[in-house]
């Protein structure tokens, strides 16, 4: 996830690097993003994404750590992944602390 200072900013700041956790094969990836209603007083960013592992598994299952592309070696049979809703804490334009997983409870 990146933060741009303006519409003409060619060099965004990386807010959070979730590439290892996010499965981006086909229609997967970052599904939603929302700021806490009291942002910036409550500096939380909520993200919903396709997690690159089965429920309870460890990412990446289909890609490689730090890579931006996930393959599915058996697209006809599918490549099981799960959904994840997490909370990230912001300090300025960067995430601080660890991702707090709120829900990881469905397969895709």
Protein backbone atom coordinates (compact mmCIF):
# COMPACT_ATOMS: atom_id res chain seq x y z
CA UNK A 1 0.00 0.00 0.00
CA UNK A 2 1.35 3.41 -0.92
CA UNK A 3 0.67 7.00 0.08
CA UNK A 4 0.89 9.79 -2.48
CA UNK A 5 1.44 13.38 -1.31
CA UNK A 6 -0.57 14.71 -4.25
CA UNK A 7 -2.07 13.65 -7.57
CA UNK A 8 1.16 14.62 -9.30
CA UNK A 9 3.48 12.80 -6.81
CA UNK A 10 5.61 10.35 -8.85
CA UNK A 11 7.32 8.86 -5.78
CA UNK A 12 4.83 7.54 -3.20
CA UNK A 13 5.76 6.44 0.31
CA UNK A 14 5.23 2.77 1.12
CA UNK A 15 2.69 2.65 3.96
CA UNK A 16 2.64 -1.15 4.37
CA UNK A 17 4.19 -3.95 2.35
CA UNK A 18 1.69 -6.82 2.41
CA UNK A 19 2.92 -8.50 -0.79
CA UNK A 20 3.93 -11.74 0.95
CA UNK A 21 0.49 -12.11 2.57
CA UNK A 22 -1.71 -11.01 -0.34
CA UNK A 23 -2.53 -13.49 -3.09
CA UNK A 24 -2.94 -11.59 -6.35
CA UNK A 25 -3.72 -14.41 -8.77
CA UNK A 26 -6.63 -13.74 -11.15
CA UNK A 27 -9.34 -11.70 -9.38
CA UNK A 28 -7.67 -11.97 -5.96
CA UNK A 29 -5.77 -9.21 -4.14
CA UNK A 30 -6.66 -6.23 -2.01
CA UNK A 31 -10.46 -6.28 -1.79
CA UNK A 32 -11.11 -3.28 0.42
CA UNK A 33 -9.51 -0.54 2.48
CA UNK A 34 -11.08 1.81 5.01
CA UNK A 35 -9.93 4.40 7.52
CA UNK A 36 -11.28 4.34 11.06
CA UNK A 37 -14.23 6.77 11.28
CA UNK A 38 -12.25 8.77 13.87
CA UNK A 39 -9.04 8.87 11.79
CA UNK A 40 -6.50 10.37 12.56
CA UNK A 41 -7.50 10.46 16.27
CA UNK A 42 -7.76 6.67 16.01
CA UNK A 43 -4.97 6.00 13.50
CA UNK A 44 -6.23 2.71 12.12
CA UNK A 45 -6.46 1.46 8.55
CA UNK A 46 -8.58 -1.63 7.90
CA UNK A 47 -7.71 -3.93 5.00
CA UNK A 48 -9.62 -6.84 3.50
CA UNK A 49 -7.59 -9.06 1.20
CA UNK A 50 -7.09 -12.53 -0.21
CA UNK A 51 -4.62 -14.23 2.12
CA UNK A 52 -2.04 -16.37 0.29
CA UNK A 53 -2.65 -19.46 2.46
CA UNK A 54 -5.43 -21.65 3.76
CA UNK A 55 -7.12 -20.67 7.02
CA UNK A 56 -4.51 -21.02 9.77
CA UNK A 57 -1.74 -21.49 7.21
CA UNK A 58 1.38 -19.45 6.64
CA UNK A 59 1.83 -17.19 3.62
CA UNK A 60 2.99 -17.42 0.97
CA UNK A 61 1.52 -20.68 -0.22
CA UNK A 62 1.55 -19.91 -3.97
CA UNK A 63 4.08 -17.11 -4.33
CA UNK A 64 7.46 -16.21 -2.85
CA UNK A 65 8.19 -13.78 -0.01
CA UNK A 66 8.46 -10.19 -1.25
CA UNK A 67 7.24 -11.01 -4.76
CA UNK A 68 4.37 -9.17 -6.41
CA UNK A 69 3.06 -11.99 -8.58
CA UNK A 70 1.41 -15.26 -7.49
CA UNK A 71 0.91 -18.14 -9.87
CA UNK A 72 -1.62 -20.91 -9.58
CA UNK A 73 -0.11 -24.12 -10.98
CA UNK A 74 -3.54 -25.80 -11.22
CA UNK A 75 -5.98 -23.07 -12.34
CA UNK A 76 -8.63 -25.60 -13.47
CA UNK A 77 -8.65 -27.25 -10.03
CA UNK A 78 -8.12 -24.00 -8.18
CA UNK A 79 -5.58 -22.90 -5.64
CA UNK A 80 -7.10 -22.63 -2.16
CA UNK A 81 -6.57 -19.35 -0.36
CA UNK A 82 -8.50 -17.56 2.37
CA UNK A 83 -9.85 -14.14 3.24
CA UNK A 84 -8.42 -11.86 5.89
CA UNK A 85 -9.59 -8.67 7.57
CA UNK A 86 -6.84 -6.83 9.44
CA UNK A 87 -6.17 -3.58 11.23
CA UNK A 88 -2.98 -1.62 10.63
CA UNK A 89 -1.84 1.29 12.79
CA UNK A 90 -0.63 4.44 11.09
CA UNK A 91 1.96 6.94 12.24
CA UNK A 92 2.08 9.66 9.62
CA UNK A 93 2.42 7.96 6.26
CA UNK A 94 3.78 4.65 7.57
CA UNK A 95 2.45 1.60 9.32
CA UNK A 96 3.80 1.00 12.82
CA UNK A 97 3.67 -2.23 14.77
CA UNK A 98 2.36 -5.48 13.42
CA UNK A 99 -0.72 -6.30 11.38
CA UNK A 100 -3.57 -7.20 13.73
CA UNK A 101 -5.65 -9.94 12.15
CA UNK A 102 -9.31 -9.44 13.09
CA UNK A 103 -10.98 -12.14 11.00
CA UNK A 104 -9.53 -15.06 9.03
CA UNK A 105 -12.47 -17.33 8.60
CA UNK A 106 -13.44 -18.09 5.02
CA UNK A 107 -11.99 -19.85 2.01
CA UNK A 108 -11.80 -18.47 -1.50
